[in-house]
């Protein structure tokens, strides 16, 4: 069955609305990835059209290193259009430019790309840190539920922290794993070298000190942790996307 151009356009609009409803904001490059467009111009036309319809808002700013950036967020009308009949408007918050942290831009872009890839895998209920109701010192960058119903804690790690900080993080993760807050921990890094270093540090932690007590870290504690590069994560997503397209073609015939 052939889908008309108007219908495709409506599908793309809803994809962007649903993405922004969860992420709060996004960039043109991310929207291009989300929709599978072959060119940046296609993403630009879609976003400009949605802006004219009053569905989204454009925000422009400069980062500390001088880079000029444009990001997009939902308007109140766009949020209303993005909601499903059974969803509560109060569960979602509109993006507030005044609260935007310029220093974390690259980390946040990486996290939004991860969100798009998780959707490709068929994972659901993606939640960012600012929407979580989790008690404790450290909230994950994101939580998502895989196709088996297991909740995955996602951490996008772009720079090395102190050894003491990694001990604290490991202990916090183990506590939440034991309480069933989530079932797996997935660390995503920019490159292989950092990935190996991070895994070496975190999996090499043998004990942590908490409330003057020394707590031993065993293999069973390490088992739920996975470390992967963004390149490999993209590769898995591309394969999943190709499988979906192949199945769609097969079903059409």
C-alpha atoms as a PDB file:
ATOM      1  CA  UNK A   1       0.000   0.000   0.000  1.00  0.00           C
ATOM      2  CA  UNK A   2       1.404   3.373  -1.061  1.00  0.00           C
ATOM      3  CA  UNK A   3       1.251   6.202   1.476  1.00  0.00           C
ATOM      4  CA  UNK A   4       0.485   9.655   0.065  1.00  0.00           C
ATOM      5  CA  UNK A   5       2.922  12.536   0.607  1.00  0.00           C
ATOM      6  CA  UNK A   6       0.368  14.336   2.789  1.00  0.00           C
ATOM      7  CA  UNK A   7      -0.014  11.272   4.983  1.00  0.00           C
ATOM      8  CA  UNK A   8       3.779  10.902   5.275  1.00  0.00           C
ATOM      9  CA  UNK A   9       4.003  14.566   6.283  1.00  0.00           C
ATOM     10  CA  UNK A  10       1.409  14.012   9.022  1.00  0.00           C
ATOM     11  CA  UNK A  11       3.329  10.964  10.266  1.00  0.00           C
ATOM     12  CA  UNK A  12       6.583  12.946  10.417  1.00  0.00           C
ATOM     13  CA  UNK A  13       4.882  15.757  12.322  1.00  0.00           C
ATOM     14  CA  UNK A  14       3.535  13.336  14.915  1.00  0.00           C
ATOM     15  CA  UNK A  15       6.955  11.661  15.211  1.00  0.00           C
ATOM     16  CA  UNK A  16       8.551  15.030  16.000  1.00  0.00           C
ATOM     17  CA  UNK A  17       5.800  15.999  18.443  1.00  0.00           C
ATOM     18  CA  UNK A  18       6.117  12.730  20.357  1.00  0.00           C
ATOM     19  CA  UNK A  19       9.913  12.994  20.398  1.00  0.00           C
ATOM     20  CA  UNK A  20       9.814  16.554  21.772  1.00  0.00           C
ATOM     21  CA  UNK A  21       7.128  15.639  24.297  1.00  0.00           C
ATOM     22  CA  UNK A  22       9.628  13.286  25.941  1.00  0.00           C
ATOM     23  CA  UNK A  23      12.939  15.041  25.244  1.00  0.00           C
ATOM     24  CA  UNK A  24      11.849  18.656  25.858  1.00  0.00           C
ATOM     25  CA  UNK A  25      14.011  19.954  23.014  1.00  0.00           C
ATOM     26  CA  UNK A  26      15.928  18.647  20.021  1.00  0.00           C
ATOM     27  CA  UNK A  27      18.114  19.754  17.108  1.00  0.00           C
ATOM     28  CA  UNK A  28      17.675  19.680  13.347  1.00  0.00           C
ATOM     29  CA  UNK A  29      20.267  16.902  12.965  1.00  0.00           C
ATOM     30  CA  UNK A  30      18.431  14.784  15.524  1.00  0.00           C
ATOM     31  CA  UNK A  31      15.118  15.339  13.749  1.00  0.00           C
ATOM     32  CA  UNK A  32      16.778  14.264  10.502  1.00  0.00           C
ATOM     33  CA  UNK A  33      17.869  11.049  12.230  1.00  0.00           C
ATOM     34  CA  UNK A  34      14.446  10.552  13.819  1.00  0.00           C
ATOM     35  CA  UNK A  35      12.594  10.794  10.507  1.00  0.00           C
ATOM     36  CA  UNK A  36      15.239   9.012   8.424  1.00  0.00           C
ATOM     37  CA  UNK A  37      15.653  11.938   6.038  1.00  0.00           C
ATOM     38  CA  UNK A  38      18.489  11.848   3.501  1.00  0.00           C
ATOM     39  CA  UNK A  39      19.226  15.572   3.761  1.00  0.00           C
ATOM     40  CA  UNK A  40      19.260  18.359   6.342  1.00  0.00           C
ATOM     41  CA  UNK A  41      17.032  20.401   4.023  1.00  0.00           C
ATOM     42  CA  UNK A  42      14.167  17.937   4.457  1.00  0.00           C
ATOM     43  CA  UNK A  43      14.404  18.259   8.243  1.00  0.00           C
ATOM     44  CA  UNK A  44      14.616  22.055   7.972  1.00  0.00           C
ATOM     45  CA  UNK A  45      11.486  22.241   5.798  1.00  0.00           C
ATOM     46  CA  UNK A  46       9.554  20.029   8.207  1.00  0.00           C
ATOM     47  CA  UNK A  47      10.581  22.065  11.256  1.00  0.00           C
ATOM     48  CA  UNK A  48       9.874  25.390   9.520  1.00  0.00           C
ATOM     49  CA  UNK A  49       6.440  24.156   8.507  1.00  0.00           C
ATOM     50  CA  UNK A  50       5.683  23.007  12.058  1.00  0.00           C
ATOM     51  CA  UNK A  51       6.853  26.379  13.372  1.00  0.00           C
ATOM     52  CA  UNK A  52       4.452  28.158  11.002  1.00  0.00           C
ATOM     53  CA  UNK A  53       1.642  25.950  12.295  1.00  0.00           C
ATOM     54  CA  UNK A  54       2.442  27.051  15.842  1.00  0.00           C
ATOM     55  CA  UNK A  55       3.395  23.532  16.947  1.00  0.00           C
ATOM     56  CA  UNK A  56       7.030  24.189  17.854  1.00  0.00           C
ATOM     57  CA  UNK A  57       9.321  27.038  18.864  1.00  0.00           C
ATOM     58  CA  UNK A  58      12.834  27.910  17.732  1.00  0.00           C
ATOM     59  CA  UNK A  59      15.590  28.854  20.210  1.00  0.00           C
ATOM     60  CA  UNK A  60      19.007  30.194  19.148  1.00  0.00           C
ATOM     61  CA  UNK A  61      22.040  30.685  21.368  1.00  0.00           C
ATOM     62  CA  UNK A  62      25.854  30.547  21.523  1.00  0.00           C
ATOM     63  CA  UNK A  63      27.816  27.975  23.514  1.00  0.00           C
ATOM     64  CA  UNK A  64      30.830  28.953  25.612  1.00  0.00           C
ATOM     65  CA  UNK A  65      33.169  27.785  22.833  1.00  0.00           C
ATOM     66  CA  UNK A  66      31.498  30.148  20.334  1.00  0.00           C
ATOM     67  CA  UNK A  67      29.385  27.595  18.467  1.00  0.00           C
ATOM     68  CA  UNK A  68      25.988  28.905  17.381  1.00  0.00           C
ATOM     69  CA  UNK A  69      23.149  26.461  17.956  1.00  0.00           C
ATOM     70  CA  UNK A  70      19.456  26.265  17.151  1.00  0.00           C
ATOM     71  CA  UNK A  71      17.178  23.922  19.066  1.00  0.00           C
ATOM     72  CA  UNK A  72      13.437  23.271  18.864  1.00  0.00           C
ATOM     73  CA  UNK A  73      10.797  22.689  21.521  1.00  0.00           C
ATOM     74  CA  UNK A  74       7.027  22.262  21.729  1.00  0.00           C
ATOM     75  CA  UNK A  75       4.648  25.184  21.994  1.00  0.00           C
ATOM     76  CA  UNK A  76       1.634  24.772  24.317  1.00  0.00           C
ATOM     77  CA  UNK A  77      -0.429  23.970  21.209  1.00  0.00           C
ATOM     78  CA  UNK A  78       2.169  21.412  20.082  1.00  0.00           C
ATOM     79  CA  UNK A  79       2.149  19.703  23.473  1.00  0.00           C
ATOM     80  CA  UNK A  80      -1.627  19.449  23.327  1.00  0.00           C
ATOM     81  CA  UNK A  81      -1.444  17.886  19.862  1.00  0.00           C
ATOM     82  CA  UNK A  82       1.255  15.425  21.007  1.00  0.00           C
ATOM     83  CA  UNK A  83      -0.828  13.987  23.848  1.00  0.00           C
ATOM     84  CA  UNK A  84      -2.618  10.694  23.500  1.00  0.00           C
ATOM     85  CA  UNK A  85      -6.268  10.558  24.700  1.00  0.00           C
ATOM     86  CA  UNK A  86      -5.297   8.790  27.934  1.00  0.00           C
ATOM     87  CA  UNK A  87      -2.317  11.047  28.752  1.00  0.00           C
ATOM     88  CA  UNK A  88      -2.362  13.752  31.402  1.00  0.00           C
ATOM     89  CA  UNK A  89      -1.164  17.204  30.324  1.00  0.00           C
ATOM     90  CA  UNK A  90       0.303  17.864  33.786  1.00  0.00           C
ATOM     91  CA  UNK A  91       2.722  14.938  33.345  1.00  0.00           C
ATOM     92  CA  UNK A  92       4.726  16.923  30.796  1.00  0.00           C
ATOM     93  CA  UNK A  93       6.573  20.220  31.070  1.00  0.00           C
ATOM     94  CA  UNK A  94       7.367  22.713  28.327  1.00  0.00           C
ATOM     95  CA  UNK A  95      11.010  23.571  27.704  1.00  0.00           C
ATOM     96  CA  UNK A  96      12.197  26.712  29.511  1.00  0.00           C
ATOM     97  CA  UNK A  97      15.169  28.372  27.742  1.00  0.00           C
ATOM     98  CA  UNK A  98      16.174  30.253  30.913  1.00  0.00           C
ATOM     99  CA  UNK A  99      16.929  26.931  32.630  1.00  0.00           C
ATOM    100  CA  UNK A 100      19.005  25.565  29.741  1.00  0.00           C
ATOM    101  CA  UNK A 101      22.539  24.526  30.774  1.00  0.00           C
ATOM    102  CA  UNK A 102      24.873  25.425  27.905  1.00  0.00           C
ATOM    103  CA  UNK A 103      27.784  23.443  29.369  1.00  0.00           C
ATOM    104  CA  UNK A 104      25.937  20.119  29.025  1.00  0.00           C
ATOM    105  CA  UNK A 105      24.751  20.655  25.426  1.00  0.00           C
ATOM    106  CA  UNK A 106      26.876  17.889  23.824  1.00  0.00           C
ATOM    107  CA  UNK A 107      25.930  15.437  26.577  1.00  0.00           C
ATOM    108  CA  UNK A 108      22.239  16.244  26.123  1.00  0.00           C
ATOM    109  CA  UNK A 109      22.454  15.856  22.328  1.00  0.00           C
ATOM    110  CA  UNK A 110      24.074  12.439  22.821  1.00  0.00           C
ATOM    111  CA  UNK A 111      21.293  11.446  25.206  1.00  0.00           C
ATOM    112  CA  UNK A 112      18.598  12.490  22.723  1.00  0.00           C
ATOM    113  CA  UNK A 113      20.245  10.437  20.022  1.00  0.00           C
ATOM    114  CA  UNK A 114      20.151   7.483  22.412  1.00  0.00           C
ATOM    115  CA  UNK A 115      16.423   8.111  22.903  1.00  0.00           C
ATOM    116  CA  UNK A 116      15.874   7.896  19.127  1.00  0.00           C
ATOM    117  CA  UNK A 117      17.828   4.647  18.879  1.00  0.00           C
ATOM    118  CA  UNK A 118      15.935   3.131  21.820  1.00  0.00           C
ATOM    119  CA  UNK A 119      12.694   3.841  19.969  1.00  0.00           C
ATOM    120  CA  UNK A 120      14.146   2.022  16.953  1.00  0.00           C
ATOM    121  CA  UNK A 121      14.782  -1.030  19.148  1.00  0.00           C
ATOM    122  CA  UNK A 122      11.148  -0.975  20.217  1.00  0.00           C
ATOM    123  CA  UNK A 123      12.068   0.028  23.780  1.00  0.00           C
ATOM    124  CA  UNK A 124       9.448   2.074  25.589  1.00  0.00           C
ATOM    125  CA  UNK A 125       8.811   4.552  28.427  1.00  0.00           C
ATOM    126  CA  UNK A 126      11.982   6.583  27.969  1.00  0.00           C
ATOM    127  CA  UNK A 127      12.369   8.960  30.923  1.00  0.00           C
ATOM    128  CA  UNK A 128      14.942  11.706  31.353  1.00  0.00           C
ATOM    129  CA  UNK A 129      16.505  12.539  34.713  1.00  0.00           C
ATOM    130  CA  UNK A 130      14.311  15.607  35.296  1.00  0.00           C
ATOM    131  CA  UNK A 131      11.103  13.527  35.040  1.00  0.00           C
ATOM    132  CA  UNK A 132      12.103  10.707  37.399  1.00  0.00           C
ATOM    133  CA  UNK A 133      10.674  10.135  40.853  1.00  0.00           C
ATOM    134  CA  UNK A 134      13.675   8.316  42.291  1.00  0.00           C
ATOM    135  CA  UNK A 135      15.086   8.917  45.741  1.00  0.00           C
ATOM    136  CA  UNK A 136      18.833   8.879  46.245  1.00  0.00           C
ATOM    137  CA  UNK A 137      21.978  10.840  45.563  1.00  0.00           C
ATOM    138  CA  UNK A 138      22.244  10.082  41.862  1.00  0.00           C
ATOM    139  CA  UNK A 139      19.524   9.833  39.250  1.00  0.00           C
ATOM    140  CA  UNK A 140      20.385   8.075  35.956  1.00  0.00           C
ATOM    141  CA  UNK A 141      20.636  10.091  32.757  1.00  0.00           C
ATOM    142  CA  UNK A 142      17.637   8.091  31.542  1.00  0.00           C
ATOM    143  CA  UNK A 143      15.511   5.017  32.158  1.00  0.00           C
ATOM    144  CA  UNK A 144      13.944   2.919  29.416  1.00  0.00           C
ATOM    145  CA  UNK A 145      12.095  -0.402  29.279  1.00  0.00           C
ATOM    146  CA  UNK A 146      13.297  -3.005  26.767  1.00  0.00           C
ATOM    147  CA  UNK A 147      11.104  -5.433  24.836  1.00  0.00           C
ATOM    148  CA  UNK A 148      11.450  -8.032  27.601  1.00  0.00           C
ATOM    149  CA  UNK A 149      10.048  -5.595  30.168  1.00  0.00           C
ATOM    150  CA  UNK A 150      13.369  -4.989  31.893  1.00  0.00           C
ATOM    151  CA  UNK A 151      14.138  -1.427  32.979  1.00  0.00           C
ATOM    152  CA  UNK A 152      17.532  -0.211  31.791  1.00  0.00           C
ATOM    153  CA  UNK A 153      19.462   2.606  33.437  1.00  0.00           C
ATOM    154  CA  UNK A 154      21.258   4.615  30.749  1.00  0.00           C
ATOM    155  CA  UNK A 155      24.347   6.687  31.488  1.00  0.00           C
ATOM    156  CA  UNK A 156      26.007   8.742  28.749  1.00  0.00           C
ATOM    157  CA  UNK A 157      29.579   9.229  29.917  1.00  0.00           C
ATOM    158  CA  UNK A 158      31.724  11.728  28.008  1.00  0.00           C
ATOM    159  CA  UNK A 159      34.520  12.510  30.483  1.00  0.00           C
ATOM    160  CA  UNK A 160      36.377  10.767  33.286  1.00  0.00           C
ATOM    161  CA  UNK A 161      35.390  11.342  36.909  1.00  0.00           C
ATOM    162  CA  UNK A 162      37.467  10.728  40.022  1.00  0.00           C
ATOM    163  CA  UNK A 163      37.924   7.182  41.342  1.00  0.00           C
ATOM    164  CA  UNK A 164      36.025   8.097  44.504  1.00  0.00           C
ATOM    165  CA  UNK A 165      33.115   9.362  42.424  1.00  0.00           C
ATOM    166  CA  UNK A 166      32.998   6.104  40.460  1.00  0.00           C
ATOM    167  CA  UNK A 167      32.966   4.179  43.741  1.00  0.00           C
ATOM    168  CA  UNK A 168      29.974   6.251  44.858  1.00  0.00           C
ATOM    169  CA  UNK A 169      28.191   5.754  41.529  1.00  0.00           C
ATOM    170  CA  UNK A 170      28.805   2.002  41.587  1.00  0.00           C
ATOM    171  CA  UNK A 171      27.351   1.750  45.092  1.00  0.00           C
ATOM    172  CA  UNK A 172      24.303   3.843  44.106  1.00  0.00           C
ATOM    173  CA  UNK A 173      23.677   1.608  41.081  1.00  0.00           C
ATOM    174  CA  UNK A 174      23.994  -1.566  43.150  1.00  0.00           C
ATOM    175  CA  UNK A 175      21.488  -0.224  45.697  1.00  0.00           C
ATOM    176  CA  UNK A 176      18.943   0.570  42.978  1.00  0.00           C
ATOM    177  CA  UNK A 177      19.534  -2.738  41.222  1.00  0.00           C
ATOM    178  CA  UNK A 178      18.924  -4.590  44.492  1.00  0.00           C
ATOM    179  CA  UNK A 179      15.729  -2.602  45.101  1.00  0.00           C
ATOM    180  CA  UNK A 180      14.461  -3.332  41.578  1.00  0.00           C
ATOM    181  CA  UNK A 181      14.377   0.336  40.552  1.00  0.00           C
ATOM    182  CA  UNK A 182      16.056  -0.898  37.372  1.00  0.00           C
ATOM    183  CA  UNK A 183      17.489  -4.228  36.209  1.00  0.00           C
ATOM    184  CA  UNK A 184      20.483  -3.315  34.027  1.00  0.00           C
ATOM    185  CA  UNK A 185      22.999  -0.468  33.735  1.00  0.00           C
ATOM    186  CA  UNK A 186      24.148   0.632  30.275  1.00  0.00           C
ATOM    187  CA  UNK A 187      27.092   3.013  29.988  1.00  0.00           C
ATOM    188  CA  UNK A 188      27.487   4.638  26.550  1.00  0.00           C
ATOM    189  CA  UNK A 189      30.748   6.403  25.689  1.00  0.00           C
ATOM    190  CA  UNK A 190      32.046   8.425  22.700  1.00  0.00           C
ATOM    191  CA  UNK A 191      34.920   6.112  21.690  1.00  0.00           C
ATOM    192  CA  UNK A 192      36.681   2.780  22.263  1.00  0.00           C
ATOM    193  CA  UNK A 193      39.613   4.137  24.273  1.00  0.00           C
ATOM    194  CA  UNK A 194      37.385   5.848  26.830  1.00  0.00           C
ATOM    195  CA  UNK A 195      35.040   2.868  26.874  1.00  0.00           C
ATOM    196  CA  UNK A 196      37.866   0.483  27.792  1.00  0.00           C
ATOM    197  CA  UNK A 197      39.171   2.889  30.427  1.00  0.00           C
ATOM    198  CA  UNK A 198      35.741   3.388  32.014  1.00  0.00           C
ATOM    199  CA  UNK A 199      35.040  -0.346  32.115  1.00  0.00           C
ATOM    200  CA  UNK A 200      38.469  -0.987  33.612  1.00  0.00           C
ATOM    201  CA  UNK A 201      37.857   1.578  36.351  1.00  0.00           C
ATOM    202  CA  UNK A 202      34.310   0.620  37.289  1.00  0.00           C
ATOM    203  CA  UNK A 203      34.664  -3.144  36.998  1.00  0.00           C
ATOM    204  CA  UNK A 204      37.950  -2.952  38.896  1.00  0.00           C
ATOM    205  CA  UNK A 205      36.316  -1.499  42.001  1.00  0.00           C
ATOM    206  CA  UNK A 206      36.580  -4.187  44.677  1.00  0.00           C
ATOM    207  CA  UNK A 207      34.979  -2.350  47.585  1.00  0.00           C
ATOM    208  CA  UNK A 208      33.243   0.896  48.516  1.00  0.00           C
ATOM    209  CA  UNK A 209      33.062   2.710  51.825  1.00  0.00           C
ATOM    210  CA  UNK A 210      29.590   3.775  52.957  1.00  0.00           C
ATOM    211  CA  UNK A 211      28.686   5.117  56.412  1.00  0.00           C
ATOM    212  CA  UNK A 212      32.078   4.015  57.741  1.00  0.00           C
ATOM    213  CA  UNK A 213      31.435   0.456  56.481  1.00  0.00           C
ATOM    214  CA  UNK A 214      33.482  -1.319  53.829  1.00  0.00           C
ATOM    215  CA  UNK A 215      31.227  -3.062  51.282  1.00  0.00           C
ATOM    216  CA  UNK A 216      32.762  -5.678  48.989  1.00  0.00           C
ATOM    217  CA  UNK A 217      31.839  -5.654  45.294  1.00  0.00           C
ATOM    218  CA  UNK A 218      31.352  -9.155  43.896  1.00  0.00           C
ATOM    219  CA  UNK A 219      30.937 -10.522  40.343  1.00  0.00           C
ATOM    220  CA  UNK A 220      27.171 -10.752  40.838  1.00  0.00           C
ATOM    221  CA  UNK A 221      27.141  -6.974  41.378  1.00  0.00           C
ATOM    222  CA  UNK A 222      29.109  -6.379  38.163  1.00  0.00           C
ATOM    223  CA  UNK A 223      26.987  -8.648  35.963  1.00  0.00           C
ATOM    224  CA  UNK A 224      24.166  -6.124  35.196  1.00  0.00           C
ATOM    225  CA  UNK A 225      26.674  -3.534  33.874  1.00  0.00           C
ATOM    226  CA  UNK A 226      27.296  -3.156  30.124  1.00  0.00           C
ATOM    227  CA  UNK A 227      29.698  -0.722  28.423  1.00  0.00           C
ATOM    228  CA  UNK A 228      29.293   0.242  24.766  1.00  0.00           C
ATOM    229  CA  UNK A 229      30.477   2.977  22.418  1.00  0.00           C
ATOM    230  CA  UNK A 230      28.066   5.309  20.697  1.00  0.00           C
ATOM    231  CA  UNK A 231      29.355   4.004  17.350  1.00  0.00           C
ATOM    232  CA  UNK A 232      28.385   0.434  18.240  1.00  0.00           C
ATOM    233  CA  UNK A 233      25.028   1.584  19.640  1.00  0.00           C
ATOM    234  CA  UNK A 234      24.335   3.394  16.332  1.00  0.00           C
ATOM    235  CA  UNK A 235      25.309   0.259  14.432  1.00  0.00           C
ATOM    236  CA  UNK A 236      22.801  -1.831  16.384  1.00  0.00           C
ATOM    237  CA  UNK A 237      20.120   0.801  15.712  1.00  0.00           C
ATOM    238  CA  UNK A 238      20.891   0.882  11.976  1.00  0.00           C
ATOM    239  CA  UNK A 239      20.589  -2.909  11.827  1.00  0.00           C
ATOM    240  CA  UNK A 240      17.263  -2.773  13.700  1.00  0.00           C
ATOM    241  CA  UNK A 241      16.026  -0.058  11.334  1.00  0.00           C
ATOM    242  CA  UNK A 242      17.055  -2.127   8.289  1.00  0.00           C
ATOM    243  CA  UNK A 243      15.239  -5.171   9.677  1.00  0.00           C
ATOM    244  CA  UNK A 244      12.077  -3.094  10.144  1.00  0.00           C
ATOM    245  CA  UNK A 245      12.242  -1.827   6.576  1.00  0.00           C
ATOM    246  CA  UNK A 246      12.808  -5.344   5.246  1.00  0.00           C
ATOM    247  CA  UNK A 247       9.814  -6.646   7.207  1.00  0.00           C
ATOM    248  CA  UNK A 248       7.653  -3.774   5.930  1.00  0.00           C
ATOM    249  CA  UNK A 249       8.535  -4.579   2.318  1.00  0.00           C
ATOM    250  CA  UNK A 250       7.902  -8.289   2.905  1.00  0.00           C
ATOM    251  CA  UNK A 251       4.506  -7.614   4.497  1.00  0.00           C
ATOM    252  CA  UNK A 252       3.537  -5.250   1.655  1.00  0.00           C
ATOM    253  CA  UNK A 253       3.912  -8.142  -0.768  1.00  0.00           C
END
